[in-house]
Structure formats: C-alpha cells, structure tokens
Amino acid sequence: MNRNKAIEIIERQKSCISDLRNSSRASQDFIKWKRDTEIALEKIFGEKSRNVSEFSDINFNPSVFSIPLKDDELLRAYNSGLKKSEAILASMLDEIRYYGTESEFDEFRIDAISIIERICLRFHSVARQLRSRHADRDTLTIEDEYDVQDLIHALLKMHFDDIRPEEWTPSNSGGSSRVDFLLKQEKIVIEIKKTRTSLKPAEIGAQLLVDIARYRQHPDCSLLFCFIYDPEGIIGNPIGFERDLENSGNDLKVRVIVGPKG
C-alpha cells in the first residue's frame, strides 16, 4: 500500500475516536471501529508487525477494579484506552510520513529488481550491438570482467541515481571483499562475474558462495544480485547453476542470472 493511502486510512480511524468517547466498550460502534483499525494496520504494516501488536495490546478495561465493577471505573479505563489509541495512531502517521511503509519499500525494490534483471538478460545483445559502429569507429569490446562492470555501470545509470562502486564488506578473518556495485537506497548489492576458459564453473560457484557468506554481514545488503556473463557458454547447465546459488542464501535473498543462455 502506498504512503498516501496508508495515511488516509489511519487518519480516518483516528478521527473516529472523538465520537467514540460518547459510547462504550460494549457498543457496536466501538467494536466495529476496533476491528476495522486492526485490519487496516495489518494491511498497511503486516500481520506480525510491531504496529499491529501495539494497537492490539491497548487495554480498554480496568487493570485494577472493584467488585462489583463501577460505571466510573469502566468509563475511565475505556477513555484511557481511546486516549492511548489516539497517541499510537498519531505516532504511526509520523512513522509513515518520515519512513514510508514496508510494503511500499517492497514494491519499490521489486521494480528495481525487474530493471536489473532486464539489464542482465539483454546485456549480451547490447554488447554485440556495440561491436558494429558507424564508419568502423572504435567501440567497447567485452574482453574481461572489468569491461562487463563498466557497461553494466553505464546501463544502471539510466535508472538509478545512487550507485556506489567498490564498496567493502567485513570479513571474519579481518580482510575485506570488494562489492562491484551497491544500490544503497534499494539495499541491493550487484556482484558481476565473467567466465573464461581458465576459470571453471565450479570455481565461480565457490567464489560466489564465499561472497554470499560475507554479504550477510553487510548493513546495506538485503538482496544480493549476481550476474555471470557467459558469452562462450562455458557453464553447461545455467539454470541449475542459478538455482543452486539462489538456494544457498539462507537468510540473505540471492538472485542469480547467467547470460546468455543458449
């Protein structure tokens, strides 16, 4: 759900509180409002979010009461719960205005992933097109991994503003590992490899497994995107290669593309 829609819904539920003060916990208006608010917060923040839990924990009954219950005790507890609800909903509105919503970020990142996938899947066509220039002018020939990185960087520039090359990830042994590109806002790290006859597919896989373990510690990496450029078709089973690496991520999301295929 986008930011404006979420704000509109929470503001509507918050505005109902003033009318509910003239009601009671047993009234149909309160029961409907409470349920509608819980459902709205689940849709905005997710069923297991802190926001939903905080609202659900609001108590509209006296925590300490006499027997039999007095009307004024019930009324004070009910109004206290409404007052707390108003404060929590106001805080949630500030949270969305400052930080957006998790679902909004997920939608944003899904779009970013689609862009990166398109770049990788069409990379070989772009590289071939660059070989044929008007009047035989000089062009970029993809000979090694650095050439792949340079062209990928140029293509990313068409879609992303904050691209950070040569970031570094921490190492348990005290060393470090270079990240090809970090899209900081999207929290996506892009790792690029190029096959060659002297580098076996198993060696590339082993290198990437080491990288995946390192990237789990990177504070700005919630998704690792690996592109392996294989113009000679050295990787015999690219689909299997992709799946094996993607399944090795455990708590880190990993997306792998080998291209071209066939």
Protein backbone atom coordinates (compact mmCIF):
# COMPACT_ATOMS: atom_id res chain seq x y z
CA MET A 1 0.00 0.00 0.00
CA ASN A 2 1.35 3.42 -0.92
CA ARG A 3 2.13 6.12 1.62
CA ASN A 4 -0.77 8.47 0.86
CA LYS A 5 -3.39 5.73 1.04
CA ALA A 6 -1.99 4.46 4.36
CA ILE A 7 -2.05 7.97 5.84
CA GLU A 8 -5.63 8.50 4.65
CA ILE A 9 -6.84 5.26 6.29
CA ILE A 10 -5.11 5.82 9.64
CA GLU A 11 -6.26 9.46 9.79
CA ARG A 12 -9.83 8.28 9.21
CA GLN A 13 -9.64 5.75 12.05
CA LYS A 14 -8.01 8.32 14.34
CA SER A 15 -10.72 10.91 13.60
CA CYS A 16 -13.44 8.48 14.77
CA ILE A 17 -12.08 8.47 18.32
CA SER A 18 -13.75 11.74 19.35
CA ASP A 19 -17.20 10.32 18.56
CA LEU A 20 -16.42 7.06 20.39
CA ARG A 21 -15.90 8.93 23.68
CA ASN A 22 -19.67 9.24 23.91
CA SER A 23 -20.02 5.47 23.53
CA SER A 24 -18.80 2.43 25.49
CA ARG A 25 -16.64 -0.65 25.03
CA ALA A 26 -19.74 -2.76 24.51
CA SER A 27 -21.20 -0.54 21.79
CA GLN A 28 -21.44 -1.71 18.19
CA ASP A 29 -19.66 1.46 17.02
CA PHE A 30 -16.59 0.73 19.18
CA ILE A 31 -16.48 -2.97 18.25
CA LYS A 32 -16.59 -2.13 14.54
CA TRP A 33 -14.01 0.68 14.87
CA LYS A 34 -11.54 -1.52 16.76
CA ARG A 35 -11.84 -4.36 14.26
CA ASP A 36 -11.61 -2.02 11.25
CA THR A 37 -8.48 -0.41 12.72
CA GLU A 38 -6.79 -3.76 13.39
CA ILE A 39 -7.49 -4.92 9.82
CA ALA A 40 -6.23 -1.61 8.39
CA LEU A 41 -2.97 -1.82 10.36
CA GLU A 42 -2.44 -5.43 9.25
CA LYS A 43 -2.86 -4.41 5.60
CA ILE A 44 -0.52 -1.44 5.98
CA PHE A 45 2.25 -2.87 8.19
CA GLY A 46 1.77 -6.66 8.04
CA GLU A 47 0.04 -9.07 10.44
CA LYS A 48 3.11 -9.66 12.62
CA SER A 49 4.32 -6.08 12.76
CA ARG A 50 5.11 -4.14 15.91
CA ASN A 51 2.42 -1.61 14.98
CA VAL A 52 -0.36 -4.21 14.96
CA SER A 53 0.88 -5.72 18.22
CA GLU A 54 1.00 -2.33 19.98
CA PHE A 55 -2.54 -1.47 18.96
CA SER A 56 -3.90 -4.92 19.87
CA ASP A 57 -2.30 -4.65 23.34
CA ILE A 58 -4.24 -1.49 24.25
CA ASN A 59 -6.46 -2.25 27.24
CA PHE A 60 -9.94 -0.73 27.38
CA ASN A 61 -10.82 -2.48 30.67
CA PRO A 62 -9.69 -1.52 34.19
CA SER A 63 -6.43 -3.23 35.16
CA VAL A 64 -7.46 -2.94 38.82
CA PHE A 65 -11.14 -2.90 39.68
CA SER A 66 -13.57 -3.36 42.50
CA ILE A 67 -16.30 -5.97 42.71
CA PRO A 68 -18.88 -5.25 41.51
CA LEU A 69 -17.46 -3.06 38.73
CA LYS A 70 -18.44 0.58 38.95
CA ASP A 71 -19.54 2.54 35.91
CA ASP A 72 -16.95 5.27 36.50
CA GLU A 73 -14.13 2.68 36.59
CA LEU A 74 -15.25 1.24 33.26
CA LEU A 75 -15.57 4.71 31.75
CA ARG A 76 -12.10 5.81 32.91
CA ALA A 77 -10.47 2.65 31.52
CA TYR A 78 -12.37 2.96 28.24
CA ASN A 79 -11.38 6.63 27.76
CA SER A 80 -7.81 5.85 28.77
CA GLY A 81 -7.68 3.19 26.03
CA LEU A 82 -9.08 5.65 23.49
CA LYS A 83 -6.50 8.25 24.52
CA LYS A 84 -3.67 5.74 24.11
CA SER A 85 -5.11 4.65 20.74
CA GLU A 86 -5.09 8.25 19.56
CA ALA A 87 -1.45 8.70 20.60
CA ILE A 88 -0.30 5.45 18.97
CA LEU A 89 -2.14 6.16 15.70
CA ALA A 90 -0.61 9.67 15.65
CA SER A 91 2.85 8.12 16.09
CA MET A 92 2.16 5.69 13.23
CA LEU A 93 1.23 8.61 10.98
CA ASP A 94 4.56 10.27 11.77
CA GLU A 95 6.36 6.98 11.09
CA ILE A 96 4.79 6.67 7.64
CA ARG A 97 5.45 10.32 6.77
CA TYR A 98 9.12 10.01 7.73
CA TYR A 99 9.94 6.45 6.66
CA GLY A 100 7.16 5.20 4.39
CA THR A 101 5.77 1.68 4.77
CA GLU A 102 7.49 -1.69 4.47
CA SER A 103 5.11 -2.79 1.72
CA GLU A 104 5.83 0.44 -0.14
CA PHE A 105 9.57 -0.30 0.05
CA ASP A 106 8.99 -3.88 -1.11
CA GLU A 107 7.09 -2.62 -4.18
CA PHE A 108 9.86 -0.11 -4.85
CA ARG A 109 12.53 -2.81 -4.61
CA ILE A 110 10.59 -5.25 -6.79
CA ASP A 111 10.61 -2.61 -9.53
CA ALA A 112 14.37 -2.14 -9.05
CA ILE A 113 14.91 -5.90 -9.32
CA SER A 114 12.94 -6.00 -12.58
CA ILE A 115 15.17 -3.28 -14.03
CA ILE A 116 18.37 -5.10 -13.06
CA GLU A 117 17.04 -8.37 -14.46
CA ARG A 118 16.21 -6.69 -17.77
CA ILE A 119 19.70 -5.19 -17.99
CA CYS A 120 21.34 -8.56 -17.35
CA LEU A 121 19.10 -10.53 -19.69
CA ARG A 122 19.71 -8.08 -22.55
CA PHE A 123 23.36 -7.43 -21.77
CA HIS A 124 24.71 -9.77 -24.45
CA SER A 125 22.55 -8.10 -27.14
CA VAL A 126 23.89 -4.69 -26.09
CA ALA A 127 27.47 -5.97 -26.12
CA ARG A 128 27.04 -7.38 -29.65
CA GLN A 129 25.47 -4.16 -30.88
CA LEU A 130 28.46 -2.17 -29.65
CA ARG A 131 30.74 -4.18 -31.95
CA SER A 132 29.06 -2.68 -35.01
CA ARG A 133 29.53 1.07 -35.13
CA HIS A 134 29.11 3.64 -37.90
CA ALA A 135 32.17 4.03 -40.13
CA ASP A 136 34.06 1.39 -38.15
CA ARG A 137 34.60 3.71 -35.21
CA ASP A 138 36.28 2.44 -32.03
CA THR A 139 33.98 0.68 -29.63
CA LEU A 140 33.89 -1.17 -26.32
CA THR A 141 34.85 -4.81 -26.65
CA ILE A 142 33.91 -7.05 -23.75
CA GLU A 143 37.13 -8.90 -23.03
CA ASP A 144 37.19 -9.28 -19.25
CA GLU A 145 35.24 -8.71 -16.04
CA TYR A 146 36.14 -5.01 -15.86
CA ASP A 147 34.57 -4.42 -19.28
CA VAL A 148 31.38 -6.09 -18.07
CA GLN A 149 31.38 -3.91 -14.95
CA ASP A 150 31.87 -0.70 -16.97
CA LEU A 151 29.00 -1.44 -19.32
CA ILE A 152 26.69 -2.60 -16.51
CA HIS A 153 27.52 0.61 -14.62
CA ALA A 154 26.57 2.73 -17.64
CA LEU A 155 23.27 0.86 -18.07
CA LEU A 156 22.43 1.19 -14.36
CA LYS A 157 22.96 4.95 -14.63
CA MET A 158 19.87 5.13 -16.84
CA HIS A 159 17.67 4.02 -13.92
CA PHE A 160 19.42 4.67 -10.58
CA ASP A 161 20.89 7.83 -9.09
CA ASP A 162 22.95 6.47 -6.19
CA ILE A 163 25.27 3.73 -7.49
CA ARG A 164 28.29 3.11 -5.28
CA PRO A 165 31.14 1.11 -6.81
CA GLU A 166 33.88 -0.58 -4.82
CA GLU A 167 32.09 -0.81 -1.50
CA TRP A 168 33.61 -3.20 1.02
CA THR A 169 32.14 -5.96 3.17
CA PRO A 170 33.57 -7.04 6.53
CA SER A 171 35.43 -10.32 6.88
CA ASN A 172 35.57 -12.63 9.89
CA SER A 173 39.30 -13.06 9.25
CA GLY A 174 39.96 -9.32 9.26
CA GLY A 175 40.25 -8.88 5.50
CA SER A 176 37.66 -7.48 3.14
CA SER A 177 35.86 -8.22 -0.09
CA ARG A 178 35.07 -5.72 -2.84
CA VAL A 179 31.47 -5.26 -3.88
CA ASP A 180 31.03 -4.36 -7.55
CA PHE A 181 28.01 -2.09 -7.06
CA LEU A 182 25.81 -1.08 -4.15
CA LEU A 183 22.39 0.48 -4.73
CA LYS A 184 22.18 1.96 -1.25
CA GLN A 185 18.61 3.23 -1.33
CA GLU A 186 17.30 -0.09 -2.66
CA LYS A 187 19.65 -2.11 -0.39
CA ILE A 188 20.78 -4.23 -3.34
CA VAL A 189 24.36 -5.39 -3.95
CA ILE A 190 25.26 -6.38 -7.51
CA GLU A 191 28.13 -8.83 -7.99
CA ILE A 192 29.46 -9.38 -11.52
CA LYS A 193 31.49 -12.29 -12.90
CA LYS A 194 32.67 -13.21 -16.39
CA THR A 195 33.50 -16.75 -17.39
CA ARG A 196 36.76 -17.66 -19.10
CA THR A 197 38.38 -20.91 -20.15
CA SER A 198 40.88 -20.77 -17.26
CA LEU A 199 38.09 -20.39 -14.69
CA LYS A 200 35.86 -23.42 -14.23
CA PRO A 201 32.15 -23.02 -13.36
CA ALA A 202 32.75 -24.80 -10.04
CA GLU A 203 35.37 -22.16 -9.15
CA ILE A 204 32.96 -19.32 -9.95
CA GLY A 205 30.33 -21.01 -7.80
CA ALA A 206 32.79 -21.40 -4.93
CA GLN A 207 33.77 -17.72 -5.17
CA LEU A 208 30.14 -16.63 -5.06
CA LEU A 209 29.39 -18.89 -2.08
CA VAL A 210 32.17 -17.13 -0.18
CA ASP A 211 30.75 -13.76 -1.26
CA ILE A 212 27.22 -14.72 -0.16
CA ALA A 213 28.54 -15.57 3.31
CA ARG A 214 30.28 -12.19 3.52
CA TYR A 215 27.32 -10.16 2.27
CA ARG A 216 25.14 -11.46 5.12
CA GLN A 217 27.14 -9.07 7.33
CA HIS A 218 26.77 -6.04 5.06
CA PRO A 219 24.45 -3.49 6.73
CA ASP A 220 23.09 -2.21 3.39
CA CYS A 221 22.55 -5.56 1.66
CA SER A 222 19.13 -7.18 1.90
CA LEU A 223 19.39 -8.66 -1.61
CA LEU A 224 22.46 -9.94 -3.47
CA PHE A 225 22.12 -9.89 -7.27
CA CYS A 226 24.74 -11.97 -9.12
CA PHE A 227 25.24 -11.61 -12.88
CA ILE A 228 27.55 -14.11 -14.57
CA TYR A 229 28.33 -13.13 -18.16
CA ASP A 230 28.98 -16.33 -20.11
CA PRO A 231 29.23 -15.45 -23.84
CA GLU A 232 31.03 -18.68 -24.72
CA GLY A 233 28.54 -20.93 -22.94
CA ILE A 234 31.12 -22.37 -20.55
CA ILE A 235 28.51 -23.07 -17.88
CA GLY A 236 26.82 -26.20 -19.20
CA ASN A 237 23.69 -26.07 -17.02
CA PRO A 238 22.99 -22.37 -16.35
CA ILE A 239 19.51 -22.94 -14.85
CA GLY A 240 20.85 -25.46 -12.34
CA PHE A 241 23.79 -23.19 -11.59
CA GLU A 242 21.41 -20.30 -10.82
CA ARG A 243 19.12 -22.37 -8.62
CA ASP A 244 21.93 -23.89 -6.56
CA LEU A 245 23.35 -20.45 -5.72
CA GLU A 246 19.96 -18.90 -5.02
CA ASN A 247 19.15 -21.71 -2.58
CA SER A 248 22.41 -21.16 -0.69
CA GLY A 249 21.47 -17.72 0.59
CA ASN A 250 19.58 -18.90 3.70
CA ASP A 251 18.66 -15.64 5.49
CA LEU A 252 20.02 -13.49 2.62
CA LYS A 253 17.95 -13.19 -0.54
CA VAL A 254 20.03 -14.09 -3.60
CA ARG A 255 19.10 -13.61 -7.28
CA VAL A 256 21.39 -15.14 -9.94
CA ILE A 257 21.36 -14.68 -13.70
CA VAL A 258 23.69 -16.45 -16.12
CA GLY A 259 23.56 -14.92 -19.57
CA PRO A 260 23.24 -15.50 -22.37
CA LYS A 261 21.65 -18.94 -22.27
CA GLY A 262 21.99 -20.94 -25.44
